[in-house]
């Protein structure tokens, strides 16, 4: 074998995986801060507890606005590189074209399904056994569940008012934060596992060249 896999186009993925997954974990601070604010619900507006809660909500929204777009860009960057590598490892093992690694996140309704399909194909192409990973389902289910829980909480607050709606909102925000944490940790495990598989292919191929 005269050419290594890397020289054919595959690039090492671990750096992208670490950067993207770290950004996703940092992005958790937003929903976690908002969820923590629920512990102050019911406090009088003039108390320090209420001021703390309002501060946490403000910080949470600010972090969400500032950090989430950066994390999203880094995740897409990782996915594009992982998809390109996987194309070289298994050219016939993909249901969607490479462009869906980006478009799949941006097209409404399509973004509920396509990113998970792209990642599933990458896993199968990268895994030496050719099998899928259960963590893909955990990651994607948690990612989809979190915003649904937030929406349910907001609707409940509008319909039920205080205090019943506030209690439901608090429960939903806490559950959503837990879902986001699950999604972030699952994504980190998934991203680093795919990177390890692909990088090992590069290393082993280099040893043959």
Protein backbone atom coordinates (compact mmCIF):
# COMPACT_ATOMS: atom_id res chain seq x y z
CA UNK A 1 0.00 0.00 0.00
CA UNK A 2 1.81 3.08 -1.27
CA UNK A 3 -0.54 5.75 -0.01
CA UNK A 4 -1.91 6.12 3.49
CA UNK A 5 -5.57 6.75 4.15
CA UNK A 6 -4.68 10.21 5.36
CA UNK A 7 -2.99 11.05 2.07
CA UNK A 8 -6.16 9.97 0.27
CA UNK A 9 -8.20 12.61 2.07
CA UNK A 10 -8.99 11.33 5.56
CA UNK A 11 -7.93 13.75 8.27
CA UNK A 12 -7.59 13.13 11.98
CA UNK A 13 -10.82 13.89 13.78
CA UNK A 14 -9.99 13.97 17.48
CA UNK A 15 -9.27 17.71 17.58
CA UNK A 16 -12.62 18.52 15.97
CA UNK A 17 -14.40 16.10 18.30
CA UNK A 18 -12.84 17.59 21.43
CA UNK A 19 -13.55 21.17 20.37
CA UNK A 20 -17.16 20.50 19.40
CA UNK A 21 -18.03 18.39 22.43
CA UNK A 22 -16.39 20.87 24.82
CA UNK A 23 -18.36 23.72 23.28
CA UNK A 24 -21.57 21.71 23.67
CA UNK A 25 -20.83 21.13 27.36
CA UNK A 26 -20.13 24.84 27.90
CA UNK A 27 -23.44 25.59 26.18
CA UNK A 28 -25.13 23.58 28.93
CA UNK A 29 -24.54 26.47 31.32
CA UNK A 30 -27.40 28.38 29.73
CA UNK A 31 -30.26 25.92 30.33
CA UNK A 32 -28.74 24.83 33.65
CA UNK A 33 -28.72 28.44 34.91
CA UNK A 34 -32.34 28.89 33.84
CA UNK A 35 -33.32 25.62 35.48
CA UNK A 36 -31.52 26.65 38.68
CA UNK A 37 -33.64 29.79 38.74
CA UNK A 38 -36.70 27.62 39.32
CA UNK A 39 -35.49 27.05 42.89
CA UNK A 40 -36.35 30.69 43.58
CA UNK A 41 -39.88 30.51 42.12
CA UNK A 42 -42.46 31.71 44.61
CA UNK A 43 -40.12 34.10 46.40
CA UNK A 44 -41.24 37.68 46.90
CA UNK A 45 -39.89 40.03 44.27
CA UNK A 46 -38.14 42.10 46.92
CA UNK A 47 -36.12 39.23 48.37
CA UNK A 48 -32.54 38.28 47.58
CA UNK A 49 -33.78 34.87 46.41
CA UNK A 50 -35.96 36.51 43.75
CA UNK A 51 -33.10 38.73 42.64
CA UNK A 52 -30.85 35.69 42.36
CA UNK A 53 -33.46 33.89 40.29
CA UNK A 54 -33.87 36.81 37.89
CA UNK A 55 -30.10 37.04 37.59
CA UNK A 56 -29.82 33.35 36.77
CA UNK A 57 -32.48 33.66 34.08
CA UNK A 58 -30.70 36.65 32.54
CA UNK A 59 -27.34 34.85 32.60
CA UNK A 60 -28.91 31.71 31.15
CA UNK A 61 -30.47 33.55 28.23
CA UNK A 62 -27.27 35.51 27.59
CA UNK A 63 -25.17 32.35 27.55
CA UNK A 64 -27.67 30.68 25.25
CA UNK A 65 -27.57 33.57 22.78
CA UNK A 66 -23.77 33.83 22.81
CA UNK A 67 -22.55 30.25 23.17
CA UNK A 68 -25.11 28.10 21.34
CA UNK A 69 -24.39 29.49 17.83
CA UNK A 70 -20.67 28.87 18.35
CA UNK A 71 -21.31 25.34 19.59
CA UNK A 72 -23.60 24.70 16.63
CA UNK A 73 -20.96 25.81 14.14
CA UNK A 74 -18.34 23.59 15.79
CA UNK A 75 -20.66 20.57 15.81
CA UNK A 76 -21.40 21.03 12.10
CA UNK A 77 -17.68 21.43 11.42
CA UNK A 78 -17.03 18.14 13.21
CA UNK A 79 -19.87 16.43 11.38
CA UNK A 80 -18.69 17.61 7.96
CA UNK A 81 -15.18 16.27 8.61
CA UNK A 82 -16.48 12.99 10.06
CA UNK A 83 -18.83 12.56 7.08
CA UNK A 84 -16.00 13.24 4.61
CA UNK A 85 -13.79 10.67 6.33
CA UNK A 86 -16.61 8.14 6.44
CA UNK A 87 -17.23 8.59 2.71
CA UNK A 88 -13.68 7.40 2.04
CA UNK A 89 -13.98 4.50 4.46
CA UNK A 90 -17.30 3.27 3.06
CA UNK A 91 -18.34 5.07 -0.15
CA UNK A 92 -21.53 3.02 -0.52
CA UNK A 93 -22.62 3.12 3.10
CA UNK A 94 -24.47 6.44 3.18
CA UNK A 95 -28.15 7.14 2.61
CA UNK A 96 -27.71 10.88 2.12
CA UNK A 97 -25.24 13.06 0.22
CA UNK A 98 -22.47 14.91 2.12
CA UNK A 99 -24.31 18.22 1.86
CA UNK A 100 -26.89 17.00 4.34
CA UNK A 101 -24.26 17.17 7.08
CA UNK A 102 -24.94 20.91 6.97
CA UNK A 103 -28.40 21.23 5.42
CA UNK A 104 -29.83 18.61 7.74
CA UNK A 105 -29.53 21.03 10.66
CA UNK A 106 -31.01 24.01 8.83
CA UNK A 107 -34.12 22.75 7.01
CA UNK A 108 -37.24 22.83 9.25
CA UNK A 109 -38.78 19.44 10.08
CA UNK A 110 -35.96 17.74 8.18
CA UNK A 111 -33.70 18.73 11.08
CA UNK A 112 -35.73 16.47 13.33
CA UNK A 113 -34.45 13.36 11.55
CA UNK A 114 -31.61 13.93 9.11
CA UNK A 115 -28.72 14.73 11.51
CA UNK A 116 -29.32 11.45 13.32
CA UNK A 117 -29.38 9.56 10.00
CA UNK A 118 -26.10 11.16 8.93
CA UNK A 119 -24.44 10.29 12.23
CA UNK A 120 -25.78 6.73 12.13
CA UNK A 121 -24.22 6.20 8.70
CA UNK A 122 -20.94 7.70 9.91
CA UNK A 123 -20.92 5.32 12.88
CA UNK A 124 -21.48 2.28 10.68
CA UNK A 125 -18.79 3.37 8.23
CA UNK A 126 -16.28 4.12 10.98
CA UNK A 127 -16.96 1.23 13.36
CA UNK A 128 -14.65 -1.70 12.59
CA UNK A 129 -17.61 -4.02 13.25
CA UNK A 130 -19.92 -2.05 10.95
CA UNK A 131 -22.55 -1.78 13.69
CA UNK A 132 -24.50 1.16 15.00
CA UNK A 133 -24.19 2.52 18.55
CA UNK A 134 -27.05 2.81 21.02
CA UNK A 135 -25.68 6.14 22.20
CA UNK A 136 -26.85 7.70 18.93
CA UNK A 137 -30.45 7.09 19.95
CA UNK A 138 -29.85 8.38 23.46
CA UNK A 139 -28.19 11.54 22.14
CA UNK A 140 -30.86 12.35 19.59
CA UNK A 141 -33.84 11.47 21.78
CA UNK A 142 -32.56 13.69 24.59
CA UNK A 143 -31.78 16.52 22.15
CA UNK A 144 -35.33 16.44 20.77
CA UNK A 145 -36.99 16.02 24.17
CA UNK A 146 -35.41 19.10 25.78
CA UNK A 147 -37.08 21.82 23.66
CA UNK A 148 -40.40 19.97 23.81
CA UNK A 149 -40.24 20.08 27.60
CA UNK A 150 -39.50 23.82 27.50
CA UNK A 151 -42.50 24.43 25.23
CA UNK A 152 -44.79 22.36 27.46
CA UNK A 153 -43.66 24.40 30.47
CA UNK A 154 -44.32 27.73 28.77
CA UNK A 155 -47.75 26.63 27.52
CA UNK A 156 -48.66 25.35 31.00
CA UNK A 157 -47.67 28.68 32.55
CA UNK A 158 -49.87 30.58 30.09
CA UNK A 159 -52.83 28.27 30.57
CA UNK A 160 -52.68 27.56 34.29
CA UNK A 161 -51.23 30.79 35.62
CA UNK A 162 -49.78 31.10 39.12
CA UNK A 163 -49.05 28.95 41.09
CA UNK A 164 -49.99 25.75 39.23
CA UNK A 165 -48.47 26.85 35.92
CA UNK A 166 -45.32 28.04 37.65
CA UNK A 167 -44.86 24.65 39.27
CA UNK A 168 -45.26 22.85 35.95
CA UNK A 169 -42.86 25.29 34.28
CA UNK A 170 -40.24 24.64 36.97
CA UNK A 171 -40.56 20.88 36.57
CA UNK A 172 -40.29 21.14 32.79
CA UNK A 173 -37.24 23.42 32.91
CA UNK A 174 -35.47 21.05 35.29
CA UNK A 175 -36.34 18.07 33.11
CA UNK A 176 -35.19 19.93 30.00
CA UNK A 177 -31.86 20.76 31.65
CA UNK A 178 -31.42 17.06 32.50
CA UNK A 179 -32.21 16.17 28.87
CA UNK A 180 -29.67 18.69 27.58
CA UNK A 181 -27.04 17.28 29.94
CA UNK A 182 -27.80 13.76 28.71
CA UNK A 183 -27.58 14.90 25.09
CA UNK A 184 -24.28 16.73 25.66
CA UNK A 185 -22.59 13.87 27.45
CA UNK A 186 -23.88 11.37 24.89
CA UNK A 187 -22.62 13.56 22.07
CA UNK A 188 -19.18 13.80 23.65
CA UNK A 189 -18.98 10.01 23.97
CA UNK A 190 -20.21 9.58 20.40
CA UNK A 191 -17.90 12.20 18.88
CA UNK A 192 -14.80 10.88 20.63
CA UNK A 193 -15.63 7.27 19.77
CA UNK A 194 -16.03 8.07 16.07
CA UNK A 195 -12.81 10.09 16.19
CA UNK A 196 -10.95 7.19 17.80
CA UNK A 197 -12.16 4.74 15.16
CA UNK A 198 -11.29 7.02 12.26
CA UNK A 199 -7.94 8.08 13.69
CA UNK A 200 -6.98 4.46 14.32
CA UNK A 201 -7.67 3.75 10.65
CA UNK A 202 -5.34 6.59 9.71
CA UNK A 203 -2.64 5.36 12.10
CA UNK A 204 -2.86 1.73 11.01
CA UNK A 205 -2.80 2.71 7.37
CA UNK A 206 0.24 4.90 7.92
CA UNK A 207 1.98 1.91 9.40
CA UNK A 208 1.35 -0.02 6.17
CA UNK A 209 2.64 2.69 3.86
